[in-house]
Amino acid sequence: MRNAELKTEKMQDVATPHSALRTPHSSSPLLLFEQVSKWYGAVIGVNQITLELRGGITGLVGANGAGKTTLLRLATGQLRPDIGRVTVQGIDAWSWKAKRLVGYCPEVDVFYEEMSGFQFVEAMARLCGMSARQARERTEAAIERVGMTGRCDRKVRGYSKGMRQRIKLAQALLHDPQLLVLDEPLSGIDPIGRQDFIELFFELADQGKCLLISSHELEELEKLTNHIAIMARGRIAAVGTVMQIRDLLDQHPITVQIDVAEPRRVAGRLLELPEVVGVDFGPIDEGSGRLVTRVTNPKKFFGDFAKLVIAHRWDVRGLETLDDSTQAILGYLLGGRR
């Protein structure tokens, strides 16, 4: 376990934040955590978090209890750190000035159920201090942006989960914030709605806004961004692209599936490679079969494997990595628990 801790500490030093897809950096951090810790009595929520985000989309992943919710509440000024400092554009996140720069879409639904979607968003605009005219104009624009124009007059209590998500996002966009903190925004959204949200998130990122998106939908998160922050046990375990993090885990075995003729002969040669730590056989039918190979140092393995294929003229019919994804990386960083 100590080796894993040392490896993730190294990741924090090497895998520094990068701009999300299609989005340039701004000159200074929009959201900054400086050695932040937060306790709930004797229980620690986050421990010595250092993280800086500029423009673009950052995905936040981690198991339940990893500290994601505490981090989001600190970013939005709902909690104050016990140690360290959280700032939004250089302003203490706890202050009202910083809160005006932040749009927050929580995971939990809390609505005035008797209101229509339009009335709810408009009420949030008025609570932000907008005039009646400005609140109506901003509400109309936000409702249209999330695709709820034709349904906003219905009462919230009759909304589906996806419609509620759209209304929550609309109220987060009302004041055109520079920082958007979105907690599970894709939860309960149908495939068409997900695509709408993804396109909107890209549009916001292209405008230079900073989006911090917490999600358990890891595959969807990878469609949104190549910049991931992984939390484990109250700490930032790794920050960077999925491939950067994978490169830093080159001594952790990954699994490679190989469909090949003469699988027993191929397995024997593979086991001679120093980076191969194990080979399992799948179904074998008439001389053709599947090998599930566990390897370290993937770059070296694929180079050596290519040389063997050419030298021995192996009939390779399929080659696929089974765990080169955010979910597999997350599982390793959390000690095998997904």
Protein backbone atom coordinates (compact mmCIF):
# COMPACT_ATOMS: atom_id res chain seq x y z
CA MET A 1 0.00 0.00 0.00
CA ARG A 2 2.92 2.33 0.73
CA ASN A 3 4.15 1.91 -2.87
CA ALA A 4 0.76 3.01 -4.19
CA GLU A 5 0.84 6.08 -1.93
CA LEU A 6 4.32 7.00 -3.15
CA LYS A 7 3.20 6.57 -6.75
CA THR A 8 0.17 8.83 -6.37
CA GLU A 9 2.27 11.46 -4.59
CA LYS A 10 4.59 11.40 -7.59
CA MET A 11 1.59 11.90 -9.87
CA GLN A 12 0.62 15.09 -8.10
CA ASP A 13 4.11 16.45 -8.72
CA VAL A 14 4.34 15.40 -12.38
CA ALA A 15 0.78 15.45 -13.74
CA THR A 16 0.03 19.15 -13.48
CA PRO A 17 -3.31 20.50 -14.68
CA HIS A 18 -3.76 20.93 -18.41
CA SER A 19 -6.38 22.78 -20.40
CA ALA A 20 -9.50 20.87 -21.27
CA LEU A 21 -10.28 19.96 -24.84
CA ARG A 22 -10.72 22.95 -27.17
CA THR A 23 -10.15 25.48 -24.38
CA PRO A 24 -7.13 27.75 -23.75
CA HIS A 25 -5.66 28.58 -20.36
CA SER A 26 -6.29 31.90 -18.73
CA SER A 27 -3.32 33.73 -17.24
CA SER A 28 -4.15 33.00 -13.58
CA PRO A 29 -6.07 30.31 -11.70
CA LEU A 30 -9.82 30.85 -11.56
CA LEU A 31 -10.25 28.33 -8.72
CA LEU A 32 -7.38 27.73 -6.32
CA PHE A 33 -7.06 25.36 -3.35
CA GLU A 34 -3.94 25.96 -1.26
CA GLN A 35 -3.11 23.21 1.26
CA VAL A 36 -6.78 22.91 2.25
CA SER A 37 -8.04 20.60 4.99
CA LYS A 38 -11.55 20.26 6.41
CA TRP A 39 -12.73 18.19 9.38
CA TYR A 40 -16.16 17.09 10.57
CA GLY A 41 -15.37 16.56 14.23
CA ALA A 42 -12.91 13.68 14.30
CA VAL A 43 -13.59 12.77 10.65
CA ILE A 44 -11.50 14.40 7.94
CA GLY A 45 -13.31 15.48 4.78
CA VAL A 46 -10.36 16.65 2.68
CA ASN A 47 -6.70 16.52 3.60
CA GLN A 48 -4.03 18.93 2.36
CA ILE A 49 -5.69 19.59 -1.03
CA THR A 50 -3.72 21.70 -3.50
CA LEU A 51 -5.45 22.22 -6.84
CA GLU A 52 -5.67 25.00 -9.39
CA LEU A 53 -8.11 25.27 -12.29
CA ARG A 54 -8.23 27.75 -15.13
CA GLY A 55 -10.54 27.78 -18.13
CA GLY A 56 -12.03 24.58 -19.50
CA ILE A 57 -13.61 21.41 -18.17
CA THR A 58 -12.18 19.36 -15.32
CA GLY A 59 -13.76 16.05 -14.34
CA LEU A 60 -13.76 15.11 -10.66
CA VAL A 61 -14.05 11.40 -9.89
CA GLY A 62 -13.76 9.29 -6.78
CA ALA A 63 -15.58 6.66 -4.76
CA ASN A 64 -18.25 7.53 -2.21
CA GLY A 65 -16.54 9.04 0.81
CA ALA A 66 -13.49 10.16 -1.17
CA GLY A 67 -14.13 13.82 -0.35
CA LYS A 68 -15.72 15.06 -3.60
CA THR A 69 -18.76 16.66 -1.95
CA THR A 70 -16.62 18.47 0.62
CA LEU A 71 -14.36 19.79 -2.14
CA LEU A 72 -17.35 21.08 -4.13
CA ARG A 73 -18.84 22.78 -1.07
CA LEU A 74 -15.53 24.45 -0.34
CA ALA A 75 -15.30 25.63 -3.96
CA THR A 76 -18.78 27.16 -3.80
CA GLY A 77 -18.27 28.83 -0.42
CA GLN A 78 -20.75 26.62 1.45
CA LEU A 79 -17.97 25.48 3.79
CA ARG A 80 -14.89 27.21 5.13
CA PRO A 81 -11.61 25.29 5.34
CA ASP A 82 -10.11 24.57 8.75
CA ILE A 83 -6.64 24.90 7.26
CA GLY A 84 -5.56 26.51 4.01
CA ARG A 85 -7.29 28.82 1.57
CA VAL A 86 -9.82 28.52 -1.27
CA THR A 87 -10.09 31.42 -3.71
CA VAL A 88 -12.12 32.24 -6.82
CA GLN A 89 -10.26 34.70 -9.04
CA GLY A 90 -8.15 35.58 -6.02
CA ILE A 91 -11.17 36.25 -3.75
CA ASP A 92 -11.88 34.15 -0.67
CA ALA A 93 -14.51 31.61 -1.74
CA TRP A 94 -16.49 32.22 1.48
CA SER A 95 -17.13 35.89 0.60
CA TRP A 96 -20.22 37.12 -1.25
CA LYS A 97 -18.01 38.63 -3.94
CA ALA A 98 -16.67 35.18 -4.83
CA LYS A 99 -20.12 33.62 -4.77
CA ARG A 100 -21.24 36.03 -7.49
CA LEU A 101 -18.63 34.43 -9.76
CA VAL A 102 -19.87 30.87 -9.17
CA GLY A 103 -22.79 28.92 -10.62
CA TYR A 104 -23.71 25.78 -8.72
CA CYS A 105 -25.79 22.83 -9.89
CA PRO A 106 -26.20 20.47 -6.91
CA GLU A 107 -26.85 16.76 -7.15
CA VAL A 108 -29.76 16.88 -4.69
CA ASP A 109 -33.07 18.34 -5.88
CA VAL A 110 -34.40 21.17 -3.68
CA PHE A 111 -37.26 23.02 -5.40
CA TYR A 112 -40.38 24.97 -4.56
CA GLU A 113 -42.51 22.22 -6.06
CA GLU A 114 -45.63 24.38 -6.52
CA MET A 115 -43.76 26.78 -8.80
CA SER A 116 -43.37 26.32 -12.51
CA GLY A 117 -39.86 25.85 -13.84
CA PHE A 118 -39.87 29.41 -15.15
CA GLN A 119 -41.09 30.83 -11.82
CA PHE A 120 -38.41 28.94 -9.92
CA VAL A 121 -35.55 30.17 -12.11
CA GLU A 122 -36.96 33.71 -12.07
CA ALA A 123 -37.17 33.62 -8.27
CA MET A 124 -33.49 32.60 -8.13
CA ALA A 125 -32.66 35.56 -10.38
CA ARG A 126 -34.50 37.95 -8.06
CA LEU A 127 -32.64 36.49 -5.08
CA CYS A 128 -29.42 37.31 -6.92
CA GLY A 129 -30.48 40.97 -6.82
CA MET A 130 -31.68 41.37 -10.41
CA SER A 131 -34.48 43.78 -11.24
CA ALA A 132 -37.83 42.31 -12.32
CA ARG A 133 -37.12 43.06 -15.98
CA GLN A 134 -33.58 41.73 -15.88
CA ALA A 135 -34.67 38.60 -14.01
CA ARG A 136 -37.29 37.82 -16.66
CA GLU A 137 -34.85 38.40 -19.52
CA ARG A 138 -32.12 36.30 -17.93
CA THR A 139 -34.61 33.55 -17.05
CA GLU A 140 -35.89 33.37 -20.63
CA ALA A 141 -32.33 33.13 -21.96
CA ALA A 142 -31.28 30.46 -19.45
CA ILE A 143 -34.43 28.39 -19.99
CA GLU A 144 -33.87 28.48 -23.74
CA ARG A 145 -30.22 27.54 -23.36
CA VAL A 146 -31.05 24.31 -21.50
CA GLY A 147 -33.87 23.34 -23.87
CA MET A 148 -36.82 23.91 -21.55
CA THR A 149 -38.66 26.72 -23.36
CA GLY A 150 -41.70 24.63 -24.28
CA ARG A 151 -42.00 23.00 -20.85
CA CYS A 152 -41.10 25.73 -18.39
CA ASP A 153 -44.73 26.65 -17.54
CA ARG A 154 -45.46 23.25 -15.98
CA LYS A 155 -45.17 22.82 -12.21
CA VAL A 156 -41.85 21.42 -11.03
CA ARG A 157 -43.55 18.65 -9.05
CA GLY A 158 -44.54 17.02 -12.36
CA TYR A 159 -41.07 17.17 -13.89
CA SER A 160 -39.03 14.12 -14.78
CA LYS A 161 -35.50 13.73 -13.41
CA GLY A 162 -34.05 15.00 -16.67
CA MET A 163 -36.26 18.10 -16.68
CA ARG A 164 -35.26 18.86 -13.10
CA GLN A 165 -31.60 18.62 -14.10
CA ARG A 166 -32.19 21.13 -16.88
CA ILE A 167 -33.88 23.59 -14.54
CA LYS A 168 -31.08 23.27 -12.00
CA LEU A 169 -28.56 24.00 -14.74
CA ALA A 170 -30.63 26.99 -15.91
CA GLN A 171 -30.50 28.63 -12.46
CA ALA A 172 -26.73 28.03 -12.33
CA LEU A 173 -26.29 29.89 -15.63
CA LEU A 174 -28.48 32.91 -14.74
CA HIS A 175 -25.75 35.35 -13.76
CA ASP A 176 -23.24 34.25 -16.42
CA PRO A 177 -20.69 32.93 -13.86
CA GLN A 178 -17.02 32.39 -14.63
CA LEU A 179 -16.91 29.20 -12.55
CA LEU A 180 -19.52 26.45 -12.87
CA VAL A 181 -19.55 23.68 -10.26
CA LEU A 182 -21.75 20.81 -11.45
CA ASP A 183 -22.45 17.79 -9.26
CA GLU A 184 -23.61 14.76 -11.30
CA PRO A 185 -25.24 16.94 -14.00
CA LEU A 186 -25.70 14.00 -16.40
CA SER A 187 -27.54 11.84 -13.87
CA GLY A 188 -31.05 10.92 -15.02
CA ILE A 189 -30.63 12.52 -18.45
CA ASP A 190 -31.71 10.56 -21.54
CA PRO A 191 -29.15 10.06 -24.37
CA ILE A 192 -30.41 13.05 -26.38
CA GLY A 193 -30.35 15.25 -23.30
CA ARG A 194 -26.82 14.09 -22.47
CA GLN A 195 -25.63 15.10 -25.90
CA ASP A 196 -27.33 18.49 -25.50
CA PHE A 197 -25.59 19.00 -22.16
CA ILE A 198 -22.21 17.92 -23.51
CA GLU A 199 -22.49 20.38 -26.40
CA LEU A 200 -23.49 23.15 -23.96
CA PHE A 201 -20.55 22.36 -21.69
CA PHE A 202 -18.18 22.56 -24.65
CA GLU A 203 -19.72 25.89 -25.65
CA LEU A 204 -19.22 27.29 -22.14
CA ALA A 205 -15.63 26.03 -22.05
CA ASP A 206 -14.94 27.65 -25.42
CA GLN A 207 -16.02 30.95 -23.85
CA GLY A 208 -13.19 30.58 -21.33
CA LYS A 209 -15.35 29.54 -18.40
CA CYS A 210 -14.12 27.00 -15.86
CA LEU A 211 -16.32 23.92 -15.32
CA LEU A 212 -15.70 21.50 -12.47
CA ILE A 213 -17.89 18.45 -13.07
CA SER A 214 -18.25 15.67 -10.52
CA SER A 215 -19.59 12.42 -11.93
CA HIS A 216 -19.77 8.66 -11.49
CA GLU A 217 -20.47 8.33 -15.23
CA LEU A 218 -16.81 7.88 -16.07
CA GLU A 219 -17.28 7.02 -19.72
CA GLU A 220 -19.42 10.12 -20.24
CA LEU A 221 -16.86 12.20 -18.36
CA GLU A 222 -14.15 11.06 -20.76
CA LYS A 223 -16.28 12.35 -23.65
CA LEU A 224 -16.40 15.74 -21.96
CA THR A 225 -12.76 16.31 -21.07
CA ASN A 226 -9.25 14.97 -21.12
CA HIS A 227 -8.49 16.63 -17.77
CA ILE A 228 -9.36 14.51 -14.75
CA ALA A 229 -8.82 14.99 -11.01
CA ILE A 230 -9.08 11.75 -9.04
CA MET A 231 -9.88 11.87 -5.33
CA ALA A 232 -9.10 9.12 -2.85
CA ARG A 233 -9.30 9.20 0.95
CA GLY A 234 -9.71 12.97 1.11
CA ARG A 235 -6.73 13.73 -1.11
CA ILE A 236 -6.17 14.51 -4.77
CA ALA A 237 -4.61 11.23 -5.88
CA ALA A 238 -3.82 12.33 -9.43
CA VAL A 239 -4.46 15.21 -11.82
CA GLY A 240 -3.93 15.16 -15.57
CA THR A 241 -5.15 13.44 -18.71
CA VAL A 242 -6.21 9.81 -18.57
CA MET A 243 -3.19 8.86 -20.67
CA GLN A 244 -0.81 10.91 -18.50
CA ILE A 245 -2.07 9.11 -15.43
CA ARG A 246 -1.80 5.78 -17.23
CA ASP A 247 1.81 6.57 -18.20
CA LEU A 248 2.60 7.22 -14.55
CA LEU A 249 1.12 3.84 -13.69
CA ASP A 250 3.38 1.98 -16.10
CA GLN A 251 4.45 -0.44 -13.37
CA HIS A 252 0.85 -1.32 -12.54
CA PRO A 253 -0.32 -4.30 -14.63
CA ILE A 254 -2.87 -3.57 -17.32
CA THR A 255 -4.88 -6.26 -19.06
CA VAL A 256 -4.55 -6.90 -22.79
CA GLN A 257 -6.90 -9.22 -24.66
CA ILE A 258 -5.40 -10.97 -27.71
CA ASP A 259 -7.36 -13.08 -30.20
CA VAL A 260 -4.87 -15.22 -32.06
CA ALA A 261 -4.32 -18.50 -33.90
CA GLU A 262 -2.20 -21.06 -31.99
CA PRO A 263 -2.82 -19.41 -28.59
CA ARG A 264 -0.75 -21.94 -26.61
CA ARG A 265 2.34 -21.32 -28.73
CA VAL A 266 1.88 -17.56 -28.51
CA ALA A 267 1.36 -17.70 -24.74
CA GLY A 268 4.65 -19.52 -24.29
CA ARG A 269 6.56 -16.80 -26.11
CA LEU A 270 4.74 -14.01 -24.33
CA LEU A 271 5.69 -15.41 -20.94
CA GLU A 272 9.34 -14.98 -21.94
CA LEU A 273 8.88 -11.19 -22.06
CA PRO A 274 9.97 -9.53 -18.78
CA GLU A 275 6.97 -7.15 -18.81
CA VAL A 276 4.42 -10.01 -18.95
CA VAL A 277 3.31 -11.05 -15.46
CA GLY A 278 0.62 -13.55 -16.41
CA VAL A 279 -1.39 -15.10 -19.23
CA ASP A 280 -4.85 -16.68 -18.94
CA PHE A 281 -6.59 -18.67 -21.64
CA GLY A 282 -10.05 -17.87 -22.89
CA PRO A 283 -12.15 -20.12 -25.15
CA ILE A 284 -10.12 -22.11 -27.70
CA ASP A 285 -11.86 -23.35 -30.84
CA GLU A 286 -10.14 -25.23 -33.67
CA GLY A 287 -6.70 -23.83 -32.95
CA SER A 288 -7.85 -20.23 -32.48
CA GLY A 289 -8.43 -18.66 -29.10
CA ARG A 290 -8.21 -15.75 -26.73
CA LEU A 291 -5.41 -14.80 -24.37
CA VAL A 292 -5.88 -12.39 -21.46
CA THR A 293 -2.44 -11.04 -20.70
CA ARG A 294 -1.38 -8.91 -17.72
CA VAL A 295 1.56 -6.65 -18.49
CA THR A 296 3.60 -3.83 -16.97
CA ASN A 297 5.18 -1.02 -18.98
CA PRO A 298 2.58 -1.09 -21.79
CA LYS A 299 4.73 0.89 -24.26
CA LYS A 300 7.55 -1.63 -24.09
CA PHE A 301 5.16 -4.58 -24.22
CA PHE A 302 3.41 -3.41 -27.39
CA GLY A 303 6.77 -2.77 -29.06
CA ASP A 304 8.06 -6.23 -28.15
CA PHE A 305 4.75 -7.83 -29.12
CA ALA A 306 4.85 -6.20 -32.57
CA LYS A 307 8.36 -7.57 -33.13
CA LEU A 308 7.23 -11.08 -32.19
CA VAL A 309 4.21 -10.86 -34.51
CA ILE A 310 6.47 -9.94 -37.43
CA ALA A 311 9.21 -12.43 -36.59
CA HIS A 312 6.87 -15.42 -36.12
CA ARG A 313 4.10 -14.32 -38.48
CA TRP A 314 1.44 -14.78 -35.86
CA ASP A 315 -2.15 -14.60 -37.04
CA VAL A 316 -3.46 -11.91 -34.68
CA ARG A 317 -7.21 -11.39 -35.12
CA GLY A 318 -7.89 -8.96 -32.30
CA LEU A 319 -5.98 -6.82 -29.80
CA GLU A 320 -7.66 -4.75 -27.08
CA THR A 321 -6.74 -3.21 -23.75
CA LEU A 322 -9.45 -4.01 -21.23
CA ASP A 323 -8.71 -1.43 -18.53
CA ASP A 324 -7.15 1.62 -20.17
CA SER A 325 -9.99 3.85 -19.00
CA THR A 326 -10.73 6.26 -16.18
CA GLN A 327 -12.66 3.57 -14.32
CA ALA A 328 -9.75 1.13 -14.31
CA ILE A 329 -7.31 3.84 -13.23
CA LEU A 330 -9.70 4.91 -10.48
CA GLY A 331 -10.06 1.31 -9.31
CA TYR A 332 -6.31 0.97 -8.96
CA LEU A 333 -5.84 4.28 -7.16
CA LEU A 334 -8.53 3.35 -4.66
CA GLY A 335 -6.85 0.06 -3.87
CA GLY A 336 -9.07 -2.11 -6.07
CA ARG A 337 -12.39 -0.61 -4.86
CA ARG A 338 -14.50 0.96 -7.60
